[in-house]
Amino acid sequence: MSNQDQNTDFPHRVVISDEERYSIWPTYKAIPLGWRDGGFEGSKQACLDHIAAVWTDMRPLSLRRQIDGDPSVNR
């Protein structure tokens, strides 16, 4: 981990995985494969607060689809 990664004063962004799980990512780094921009940037704490407010169902997307009986989900 670089010194810049240990410093939390730089801006972060909220990212969302293909399974609709949320995380934060430094804005100076490219978003990794399998993740997309969640549409929110700010301080690390602001991003964490945003996630706490919007991520109300912690189940991965594939599990939610399976439970809801989505026929496109392979069982």
N, C-alpha and C. Protein backbone atom coordinates (compact mmCIF):
# COMPACT_ATOMS: atom_id res chain seq x y z
N MET A 1 0.85 -1.17 0.00
CA MET A 1 0.00 0.00 0.00
C MET A 1 0.89 1.24 0.00
N SER A 2 0.60 2.16 -0.88
CA SER A 2 1.42 3.37 -0.97
C SER A 2 1.06 4.36 0.14
N ASN A 3 1.94 5.33 0.36
CA ASN A 3 1.65 6.38 1.34
C ASN A 3 0.38 7.13 0.97
N GLN A 4 0.17 7.33 -0.33
CA GLN A 4 -1.04 8.04 -0.77
C GLN A 4 -2.28 7.24 -0.41
N ASP A 5 -2.24 5.92 -0.51
CA ASP A 5 -3.38 5.09 -0.15
C ASP A 5 -3.68 5.15 1.35
N GLN A 6 -2.66 5.37 2.17
CA GLN A 6 -2.87 5.44 3.62
C GLN A 6 -3.44 6.78 4.05
N ASN A 7 -3.26 7.81 3.25
CA ASN A 7 -3.79 9.13 3.54
C ASN A 7 -5.24 9.18 3.04
N THR A 8 -6.17 9.57 3.89
CA THR A 8 -7.58 9.57 3.50
C THR A 8 -8.09 10.97 3.19
N ASP A 9 -7.20 11.96 3.05
CA ASP A 9 -7.62 13.33 2.80
C ASP A 9 -8.01 13.59 1.34
N PHE A 10 -7.64 12.71 0.44
CA PHE A 10 -7.98 12.90 -0.97
C PHE A 10 -9.41 12.45 -1.23
N PRO A 11 -10.02 12.92 -2.33
CA PRO A 11 -11.41 12.55 -2.63
C PRO A 11 -11.56 11.06 -2.96
N HIS A 12 -12.71 10.56 -2.63
CA HIS A 12 -13.08 9.18 -2.95
C HIS A 12 -14.35 9.22 -3.79
N ARG A 13 -14.66 8.08 -4.37
CA ARG A 13 -15.93 7.93 -5.07
C ARG A 13 -16.58 6.64 -4.60
N VAL A 14 -17.89 6.61 -4.70
CA VAL A 14 -18.64 5.39 -4.42
C VAL A 14 -18.63 4.55 -5.69
N VAL A 15 -18.34 3.28 -5.54
CA VAL A 15 -18.36 2.36 -6.67
C VAL A 15 -19.30 1.21 -6.34
N ILE A 16 -19.87 0.60 -7.39
CA ILE A 16 -20.83 -0.49 -7.22
C ILE A 16 -20.37 -1.66 -8.08
N SER A 17 -20.37 -2.84 -7.49
CA SER A 17 -19.92 -4.03 -8.23
C SER A 17 -21.05 -4.57 -9.10
N ASP A 18 -20.70 -5.53 -9.95
CA ASP A 18 -21.69 -6.19 -10.79
C ASP A 18 -22.76 -6.88 -9.95
N GLU A 19 -22.43 -7.22 -8.73
CA GLU A 19 -23.38 -7.84 -7.79
C GLU A 19 -24.09 -6.79 -6.94
N GLU A 20 -23.93 -5.52 -7.31
CA GLU A 20 -24.54 -4.39 -6.62
C GLU A 20 -24.12 -4.27 -5.16
N ARG A 21 -22.85 -4.54 -4.91
CA ARG A 21 -22.25 -4.29 -3.61
C ARG A 21 -21.52 -2.97 -3.70
N TYR A 22 -21.54 -2.20 -2.63
CA TYR A 22 -20.97 -0.86 -2.62
C TYR A 22 -19.61 -0.84 -1.95
N SER A 23 -18.78 0.09 -2.41
CA SER A 23 -17.48 0.32 -1.80
C SER A 23 -17.05 1.74 -2.12
N ILE A 24 -15.88 2.12 -1.60
CA ILE A 24 -15.31 3.41 -1.95
C ILE A 24 -13.99 3.17 -2.66
N TRP A 25 -13.62 4.14 -3.52
CA TRP A 25 -12.42 4.00 -4.30
C TRP A 25 -11.79 5.38 -4.45
N PRO A 26 -10.47 5.48 -4.36
CA PRO A 26 -9.82 6.78 -4.55
C PRO A 26 -10.09 7.33 -5.95
N THR A 27 -10.38 8.61 -6.06
CA THR A 27 -10.68 9.19 -7.37
C THR A 27 -9.46 9.23 -8.27
N TYR A 28 -8.26 9.17 -7.70
CA TYR A 28 -7.05 9.23 -8.53
C TYR A 28 -6.74 7.89 -9.18
N LYS A 29 -7.48 6.84 -8.84
CA LYS A 29 -7.25 5.52 -9.43
C LYS A 29 -8.39 5.18 -10.39
N ALA A 30 -8.08 4.43 -11.43
CA ALA A 30 -9.11 3.95 -12.35
C ALA A 30 -10.01 2.95 -11.62
N ILE A 31 -11.26 2.98 -11.96
CA ILE A 31 -12.21 2.03 -11.35
C ILE A 31 -11.88 0.64 -11.87
N PRO A 32 -11.77 -0.35 -10.98
CA PRO A 32 -11.38 -1.70 -11.42
C PRO A 32 -12.49 -2.39 -12.21
N LEU A 33 -12.08 -3.39 -12.99
CA LEU A 33 -13.04 -4.19 -13.74
C LEU A 33 -14.05 -4.82 -12.79
N GLY A 34 -15.28 -4.88 -13.23
CA GLY A 34 -16.33 -5.46 -12.42
C GLY A 34 -17.02 -4.46 -11.51
N TRP A 35 -16.57 -3.22 -11.55
CA TRP A 35 -17.15 -2.16 -10.74
C TRP A 35 -17.53 -1.00 -11.65
N ARG A 36 -18.49 -0.16 -11.21
CA ARG A 36 -18.87 1.03 -11.96
C ARG A 36 -19.00 2.19 -11.00
N ASP A 37 -18.99 3.38 -11.55
CA ASP A 37 -19.14 4.60 -10.76
C ASP A 37 -20.53 4.63 -10.14
N GLY A 38 -20.60 4.89 -8.85
CA GLY A 38 -21.87 4.96 -8.15
C GLY A 38 -22.49 6.34 -8.13
N GLY A 39 -21.84 7.32 -8.77
CA GLY A 39 -22.43 8.64 -8.89
C GLY A 39 -22.27 9.55 -7.69
N PHE A 40 -21.35 9.24 -6.80
CA PHE A 40 -21.13 10.09 -5.63
C PHE A 40 -19.64 10.19 -5.37
N GLU A 41 -19.17 11.41 -5.16
CA GLU A 41 -17.77 11.64 -4.79
C GLU A 41 -17.72 12.59 -3.61
N GLY A 42 -16.69 12.47 -2.81
CA GLY A 42 -16.49 13.36 -1.68
C GLY A 42 -15.40 12.83 -0.78
N SER A 43 -15.42 13.28 0.47
CA SER A 43 -14.45 12.76 1.43
C SER A 43 -14.74 11.29 1.69
N LYS A 44 -13.78 10.61 2.27
CA LYS A 44 -13.98 9.20 2.59
C LYS A 44 -15.22 9.03 3.46
N GLN A 45 -15.35 9.86 4.49
CA GLN A 45 -16.48 9.74 5.40
C GLN A 45 -17.80 10.07 4.71
N ALA A 46 -17.81 11.07 3.84
CA ALA A 46 -19.04 11.42 3.10
C ALA A 46 -19.48 10.25 2.23
N CYS A 47 -18.51 9.58 1.59
CA CYS A 47 -18.84 8.41 0.77
C CYS A 47 -19.40 7.28 1.63
N LEU A 48 -18.78 7.03 2.76
CA LEU A 48 -19.28 5.99 3.66
C LEU A 48 -20.67 6.32 4.18
N ASP A 49 -20.92 7.58 4.48
CA ASP A 49 -22.25 8.01 4.92
C ASP A 49 -23.28 7.81 3.81
N HIS A 50 -22.90 8.13 2.58
CA HIS A 50 -23.79 7.95 1.43
C HIS A 50 -24.14 6.47 1.27
N ILE A 51 -23.14 5.61 1.35
CA ILE A 51 -23.38 4.17 1.23
C ILE A 51 -24.33 3.69 2.32
N ALA A 52 -24.13 4.15 3.55
CA ALA A 52 -24.99 3.75 4.65
C ALA A 52 -26.44 4.15 4.40
N ALA A 53 -26.64 5.27 3.70
CA ALA A 53 -28.00 5.75 3.43
C ALA A 53 -28.67 5.02 2.26
N VAL A 54 -27.89 4.61 1.26
CA VAL A 54 -28.51 4.06 0.05
C VAL A 54 -28.43 2.54 -0.08
N TRP A 55 -27.49 1.90 0.59
CA TRP A 55 -27.33 0.45 0.45
C TRP A 55 -28.15 -0.22 1.54
N THR A 56 -29.42 -0.41 1.25
CA THR A 56 -30.34 -0.90 2.27
C THR A 56 -30.52 -2.42 2.23
N ASP A 57 -30.14 -3.06 1.15
CA ASP A 57 -30.26 -4.51 1.03
C ASP A 57 -28.88 -5.07 0.73
N MET A 58 -28.26 -5.68 1.71
CA MET A 58 -26.88 -6.15 1.59
C MET A 58 -26.73 -7.43 0.77
N ARG A 59 -27.83 -8.06 0.42
CA ARG A 59 -27.72 -9.31 -0.34
C ARG A 59 -27.19 -9.04 -1.74
N PRO A 60 -26.30 -9.90 -2.25
CA PRO A 60 -25.81 -9.73 -3.61
C PRO A 60 -26.98 -9.84 -4.61
N LEU A 61 -26.83 -9.20 -5.75
CA LEU A 61 -27.88 -9.19 -6.77
C LEU A 61 -28.31 -10.59 -7.16
N SER A 62 -27.37 -11.50 -7.36
CA SER A 62 -27.72 -12.86 -7.78
C SER A 62 -28.60 -13.55 -6.73
N LEU A 63 -28.34 -13.34 -5.46
CA LEU A 63 -29.16 -13.94 -4.41
C LEU A 63 -30.55 -13.32 -4.39
N ARG A 64 -30.64 -12.00 -4.53
CA ARG A 64 -31.95 -11.35 -4.57
C ARG A 64 -32.78 -11.87 -5.73
N ARG A 65 -32.15 -12.03 -6.89
CA ARG A 65 -32.86 -12.55 -8.06
C ARG A 65 -33.33 -13.98 -7.82
N GLN A 66 -32.48 -14.78 -7.23
CA GLN A 66 -32.84 -16.18 -6.97
C GLN A 66 -34.02 -16.25 -6.00
N ILE A 67 -33.98 -15.49 -4.94
CA ILE A 67 -35.05 -15.49 -3.95
C ILE A 67 -36.35 -14.97 -4.54
N ASP A 68 -36.23 -13.96 -5.43
CA ASP A 68 -37.43 -13.37 -6.04
C ASP A 68 -37.97 -14.23 -7.17
N GLY A 69 -37.30 -15.34 -7.50
CA GLY A 69 -37.79 -16.26 -8.52
C GLY A 69 -37.53 -15.79 -9.94
N ASP A 70 -36.48 -15.02 -10.15
CA ASP A 70 -36.12 -14.54 -11.48
C ASP A 70 -35.73 -15.75 -12.34
N PRO A 71 -36.45 -15.99 -13.43
CA PRO A 71 -36.16 -17.18 -14.26
C PRO A 71 -34.82 -17.10 -14.99
N SER A 72 -34.20 -15.92 -15.06
CA SER A 72 -32.92 -15.80 -15.75
C SER A 72 -31.75 -16.28 -14.90
N VAL A 73 -32.00 -16.57 -13.64
CA VAL A 73 -30.94 -17.01 -12.74
C VAL A 73 -30.79 -18.53 -12.87
N ASN A 74 -29.55 -18.96 -13.13
CA ASN A 74 -29.27 -20.40 -13.20
C ASN A 74 -29.19 -20.96 -11.79
N ARG A 75 -29.84 -22.05 -11.58
CA ARG A 75 -29.82 -22.66 -10.25
C ARG A 75 -28.98 -23.89 -10.25
